[in-house]
Amino acid sequence: MKQLLSLAILALGLSVGAVHAAETKQQSKMATCNKDAGDKKGDERKKFMSECLKKD
């Protein structure tokens, strides 16, 4: 029983770590696109950000 509980806790910890890494990658991409957008405003900025965030 203790082994099953330990395994479940380990699996949960690993899955949370993977989600955190994905968020960090997305946050980094958002920061880069935001910096590259510079002084763009309105529709021009929306279009730029949309295209930038879709890039791989």
PDB file of N, CA and C in Angstrom:
ATOM      1  N   MET A   1       0.827  -1.193   0.000  1.00  0.00           N
ATOM      2  CA  MET A   1       0.000   0.000   0.000  1.00  0.00           C
ATOM      3  C   MET A   1       0.875   1.262   0.000  1.00  0.00           C
ATOM      4  N   LYS A   2       1.937   1.229   0.812  1.00  0.00           N
ATOM      5  CA  LYS A   2       2.824   2.388   0.869  1.00  0.00           C
ATOM      6  C   LYS A   2       3.516   2.619  -0.471  1.00  0.00           C
ATOM      7  N   GLN A   3       3.850   1.517  -1.162  1.00  0.00           N
ATOM      8  CA  GLN A   3       4.501   1.646  -2.465  1.00  0.00           C
ATOM      9  C   GLN A   3       3.561   2.283  -3.477  1.00  0.00           C
ATOM     10  N   LEU A   4       2.298   1.895  -3.440  1.00  0.00           N
ATOM     11  CA  LEU A   4       1.309   2.454  -4.356  1.00  0.00           C
ATOM     12  C   LEU A   4       1.133   3.947  -4.099  1.00  0.00           C
ATOM     13  N   LEU A   5       1.058   4.322  -2.838  1.00  0.00           N
ATOM     14  CA  LEU A   5       0.914   5.731  -2.476  1.00  0.00           C
ATOM     15  C   LEU A   5       2.152   6.522  -2.906  1.00  0.00           C
ATOM     16  N   SER A   6       3.323   5.954  -2.679  1.00  0.00           N
ATOM     17  CA  SER A   6       4.564   6.623  -3.084  1.00  0.00           C
ATOM     18  C   SER A   6       4.629   6.802  -4.595  1.00  0.00           C
ATOM     19  N   LEU A   7       4.214   5.783  -5.332  1.00  0.00           N
ATOM     20  CA  LEU A   7       4.205   5.859  -6.790  1.00  0.00           C
ATOM     21  C   LEU A   7       3.226   6.927  -7.281  1.00  0.00           C
ATOM     22  N   ALA A   8       2.063   7.006  -6.655  1.00  0.00           N
ATOM     23  CA  ALA A   8       1.068   8.010  -7.036  1.00  0.00           C
ATOM     24  C   ALA A   8       1.593   9.420  -6.774  1.00  0.00           C
ATOM     25  N   ILE A   9       2.242   9.615  -5.651  1.00  0.00           N
ATOM     26  CA  ILE A   9       2.800  10.931  -5.315  1.00  0.00           C
ATOM     27  C   ILE A   9       3.914  11.301  -6.293  1.00  0.00           C
ATOM     28  N   LEU A  10       4.746  10.344  -6.644  1.00  0.00           N
ATOM     29  CA  LEU A  10       5.821  10.587  -7.606  1.00  0.00           C
ATOM     30  C   LEU A  10       5.256  10.964  -8.973  1.00  0.00           C
ATOM     31  N   ALA A  11       4.237  10.242  -9.424  1.00  0.00           N
ATOM     32  CA  ALA A  11       3.616  10.537 -10.723  1.00  0.00           C
ATOM     33  C   ALA A  11       3.003  11.927 -10.725  1.00  0.00           C
ATOM     34  N   LEU A  12       2.358  12.297  -9.644  1.00  0.00           N
ATOM     35  CA  LEU A  12       1.762  13.630  -9.535  1.00  0.00           C
ATOM     36  C   LEU A  12       2.844  14.703  -9.590  1.00  0.00           C
ATOM     37  N   GLY A  13       3.926  14.488  -8.885  1.00  0.00           N
ATOM     38  CA  GLY A  13       5.026  15.450  -8.888  1.00  0.00           C
ATOM     39  C   GLY A  13       5.635  15.631 -10.264  1.00  0.00           C
ATOM     40  N   LEU A  14       5.803  14.548 -10.989  1.00  0.00           N
ATOM     41  CA  LEU A  14       6.367  14.633 -12.339  1.00  0.00           C
ATOM     42  C   LEU A  14       5.422  15.336 -13.300  1.00  0.00           C
ATOM     43  N   SER A  15       4.127  15.092 -13.169  1.00  0.00           N
ATOM     44  CA  SER A  15       3.169  15.742 -14.073  1.00  0.00           C
ATOM     45  C   SER A  15       3.091  17.237 -13.797  1.00  0.00           C
ATOM     46  N   VAL A  16       3.172  17.641 -12.550  1.00  0.00           N
ATOM     47  CA  VAL A  16       3.156  19.066 -12.210  1.00  0.00           C
ATOM     48  C   VAL A  16       4.407  19.742 -12.757  1.00  0.00           C
ATOM     49  N   GLY A  17       5.538  19.079 -12.687  1.00  0.00           N
ATOM     50  CA  GLY A  17       6.780  19.628 -13.224  1.00  0.00           C
ATOM     51  C   GLY A  17       6.705  19.845 -14.723  1.00  0.00           C
ATOM     52  N   ALA A  18       6.079  18.931 -15.439  1.00  0.00           N
ATOM     53  CA  ALA A  18       5.942  19.058 -16.896  1.00  0.00           C
ATOM     54  C   ALA A  18       5.044  20.231 -17.255  1.00  0.00           C
ATOM     55  N   VAL A  19       3.976  20.433 -16.514  1.00  0.00           N
ATOM     56  CA  VAL A  19       3.072  21.561 -16.761  1.00  0.00           C
ATOM     57  C   VAL A  19       3.800  22.867 -16.501  1.00  0.00           C
ATOM     58  N   HIS A  20       4.579  22.933 -15.440  1.00  0.00           N
ATOM     59  CA  HIS A  20       5.322  24.149 -15.116  1.00  0.00           C
ATOM     60  C   HIS A  20       6.322  24.476 -16.218  1.00  0.00           C
ATOM     61  N   ALA A  21       6.987  23.490 -16.765  1.00  0.00           N
ATOM     62  CA  ALA A  21       7.953  23.721 -17.841  1.00  0.00           C
ATOM     63  C   ALA A  21       7.261  24.272 -19.081  1.00  0.00           C
ATOM     64  N   ALA A  22       6.092  23.773 -19.387  1.00  0.00           N
ATOM     65  CA  ALA A  22       5.351  24.264 -20.552  1.00  0.00           C
ATOM     66  C   ALA A  22       4.942  25.709 -20.351  1.00  0.00           C
ATOM     67  N   GLU A  23       4.499  26.052 -19.158  1.00  0.00           N
ATOM     68  CA  GLU A  23       4.119  27.434 -18.881  1.00  0.00           C
ATOM     69  C   GLU A  23       5.329  28.352 -19.015  1.00  0.00           C
ATOM     70  N   THR A  24       6.442  27.914 -18.545  1.00  0.00           N
ATOM     71  CA  THR A  24       7.653  28.718 -18.617  1.00  0.00           C
ATOM     72  C   THR A  24       8.034  28.977 -20.075  1.00  0.00           C
ATOM     73  N   LYS A  25       7.918  27.974 -20.926  1.00  0.00           N
ATOM     74  CA  LYS A  25       8.237  28.142 -22.345  1.00  0.00           C
ATOM     75  C   LYS A  25       7.280  29.152 -22.981  1.00  0.00           C
ATOM     76  N   GLN A  26       5.993  29.028 -22.673  1.00  0.00           N
ATOM     77  CA  GLN A  26       4.990  29.943 -23.223  1.00  0.00           C
ATOM     78  C   GLN A  26       5.229  31.366 -22.713  1.00  0.00           C
ATOM     79  N   GLN A  27       5.549  31.501 -21.441  1.00  0.00           N
ATOM     80  CA  GLN A  27       5.817  32.822 -20.876  1.00  0.00           C
ATOM     81  C   GLN A  27       7.035  33.451 -21.532  1.00  0.00           C
ATOM     82  N   SER A  28       8.046  32.655 -21.783  1.00  0.00           N
ATOM     83  CA  SER A  28       9.249  33.152 -22.439  1.00  0.00           C
ATOM     84  C   SER A  28       8.938  33.630 -23.852  1.00  0.00           C
ATOM     85  N   LYS A  29       8.139  32.852 -24.569  1.00  0.00           N
ATOM     86  CA  LYS A  29       7.750  33.215 -25.933  1.00  0.00           C
ATOM     87  C   LYS A  29       6.950  34.515 -25.929  1.00  0.00           C
ATOM     88  N   MET A  30       6.038  34.655 -24.966  1.00  0.00           N
ATOM     89  CA  MET A  30       5.219  35.863 -24.855  1.00  0.00           C
ATOM     90  C   MET A  30       6.107  37.082 -24.584  1.00  0.00           C
ATOM     91  N   ALA A  31       7.077  36.930 -23.706  1.00  0.00           N
ATOM     92  CA  ALA A  31       7.977  38.039 -23.386  1.00  0.00           C
ATOM     93  C   ALA A  31       8.802  38.449 -24.607  1.00  0.00           C
ATOM     94  N   THR A  32       9.285  37.473 -25.361  1.00  0.00           N
ATOM     95  CA  THR A  32      10.073  37.764 -26.562  1.00  0.00           C
ATOM     96  C   THR A  32       9.232  38.486 -27.605  1.00  0.00           C
ATOM     97  N   CYS A  33       8.020  37.983 -27.847  1.00  0.00           N
ATOM     98  CA  CYS A  33       7.137  38.617 -28.837  1.00  0.00           C
ATOM     99  C   CYS A  33       6.768  40.031 -28.392  1.00  0.00           C
ATOM    100  N   ASN A  34       6.517  40.197 -27.106  1.00  0.00           N
ATOM    101  CA  ASN A  34       6.161  41.511 -26.577  1.00  0.00           C
ATOM    102  C   ASN A  34       7.300  42.502 -26.795  1.00  0.00           C
ATOM    103  N   LYS A  35       8.522  42.048 -26.556  1.00  0.00           N
ATOM    104  CA  LYS A  35       9.691  42.910 -26.767  1.00  0.00           C
ATOM    105  C   LYS A  35       9.834  43.263 -28.247  1.00  0.00           C
ATOM    106  N   ASP A  36       9.656  42.261 -29.109  1.00  0.00           N
ATOM    107  CA  ASP A  36       9.780  42.481 -30.552  1.00  0.00           C
ATOM    108  C   ASP A  36       8.677  43.382 -31.099  1.00  0.00           C
ATOM    109  N   ALA A  37       7.528  43.401 -30.439  1.00  0.00           N
ATOM    110  CA  ALA A  37       6.408  44.232 -30.901  1.00  0.00           C
ATOM    111  C   ALA A  37       6.730  45.716 -30.759  1.00  0.00           C
ATOM    112  N   GLY A  38       7.614  46.032 -29.833  1.00  0.00           N
ATOM    113  CA  GLY A  38       8.057  47.419 -29.664  1.00  0.00           C
ATOM    114  C   GLY A  38       6.922  48.391 -29.424  1.00  0.00           C
ATOM    115  N   ASP A  39       6.833  49.434 -30.253  1.00  0.00           N
ATOM    116  CA  ASP A  39       5.849  50.503 -30.070  1.00  0.00           C
ATOM    117  C   ASP A  39       4.581  50.300 -30.895  1.00  0.00           C
ATOM    118  N   LYS A  40       4.397  49.122 -31.463  1.00  0.00           N
ATOM    119  CA  LYS A  40       3.186  48.875 -32.255  1.00  0.00           C
ATOM    120  C   LYS A  40       1.954  49.030 -31.361  1.00  0.00           C
ATOM    121  N   LYS A  41       0.871  49.525 -31.939  1.00  0.00           N
ATOM    122  CA  LYS A  41      -0.369  49.746 -31.182  1.00  0.00           C
ATOM    123  C   LYS A  41      -1.557  49.186 -31.946  1.00  0.00           C
ATOM    124  N   GLY A  42      -2.626  48.943 -31.231  1.00  0.00           N
ATOM    125  CA  GLY A  42      -3.904  48.563 -31.828  1.00  0.00           C
ATOM    126  C   GLY A  42      -3.863  47.291 -32.655  1.00  0.00           C
ATOM    127  N   ASP A  43      -4.547  47.358 -33.811  1.00  0.00           N
ATOM    128  CA  ASP A  43      -4.675  46.184 -34.680  1.00  0.00           C
ATOM    129  C   ASP A  43      -3.324  45.688 -35.185  1.00  0.00           C
ATOM    130  N   GLU A  44      -2.410  46.616 -35.430  1.00  0.00           N
ATOM    131  CA  GLU A  44      -1.077  46.228 -35.904  1.00  0.00           C
ATOM    132  C   GLU A  44      -0.390  45.348 -34.856  1.00  0.00           C
ATOM    133  N   ARG A  45      -0.494  45.745 -33.586  1.00  0.00           N
ATOM    134  CA  ARG A  45       0.116  44.972 -32.495  1.00  0.00           C
ATOM    135  C   ARG A  45      -0.572  43.614 -32.331  1.00  0.00           C
ATOM    136  N   LYS A  46      -1.894  43.601 -32.393  1.00  0.00           N
ATOM    137  CA  LYS A  46      -2.639  42.345 -32.259  1.00  0.00           C
ATOM    138  C   LYS A  46      -2.224  41.353 -33.338  1.00  0.00           C
ATOM    139  N   LYS A  47      -2.130  41.840 -34.567  1.00  0.00           N
ATOM    140  CA  LYS A  47      -1.746  40.982 -35.689  1.00  0.00           C
ATOM    141  C   LYS A  47      -0.323  40.457 -35.495  1.00  0.00           C
ATOM    142  N   PHE A  48       0.590  41.354 -35.117  1.00  0.00           N
ATOM    143  CA  PHE A  48       1.977  40.959 -34.911  1.00  0.00           C
ATOM    144  C   PHE A  48       2.089  39.903 -33.808  1.00  0.00           C
ATOM    145  N   MET A  49       1.431  40.154 -32.675  1.00  0.00           N
ATOM    146  CA  MET A  49       1.506  39.226 -31.548  1.00  0.00           C
ATOM    147  C   MET A  49       0.922  37.868 -31.920  1.00  0.00           C
ATOM    148  N   SER A  50      -0.183  37.876 -32.628  1.00  0.00           N
ATOM    149  CA  SER A  50      -0.816  36.625 -33.040  1.00  0.00           C
ATOM    150  C   SER A  50       0.126  35.804 -33.911  1.00  0.00           C
ATOM    151  N   GLU A  51       0.720  36.445 -34.892  1.00  0.00           N
ATOM    152  CA  GLU A  51       1.642  35.750 -35.794  1.00  0.00           C
ATOM    153  C   GLU A  51       2.900  35.290 -35.058  1.00  0.00           C
ATOM    154  N   CYS A  52       3.404  36.135 -34.188  1.00  0.00           N
ATOM    155  CA  CYS A  52       4.619  35.807 -33.443  1.00  0.00           C
ATOM    156  C   CYS A  52       4.389  34.599 -32.524  1.00  0.00           C
ATOM    157  N   LEU A  53       3.272  34.575 -31.834  1.00  0.00           N
ATOM    158  CA  LEU A  53       2.998  33.489 -30.895  1.00  0.00           C
ATOM    159  C   LEU A  53       2.693  32.166 -31.592  1.00  0.00           C
ATOM    160  N   LYS A  54       2.252  32.227 -32.841  1.00  0.00           N
ATOM    161  CA  LYS A  54       1.965  30.999 -33.590  1.00  0.00           C
ATOM    162  C   LYS A  54       3.233  30.355 -34.131  1.00  0.00           C
ATOM    163  N   LYS A  55       4.304  31.141 -34.256  1.00  0.00           N
ATOM    164  CA  LYS A  55       5.566  30.602 -34.770  1.00  0.00           C
ATOM    165  C   LYS A  55       6.098  29.544 -33.816  1.00  0.00           C
ATOM    166  N   ASP A  56       6.845  28.609 -34.372  1.00  0.00           N
ATOM    167  CA  ASP A  56       7.425  27.549 -33.546  1.00  0.00           C
ATOM    168  C   ASP A  56       8.694  27.965 -32.909  1.00  0.00           C
TER     169      ASP A  56
END
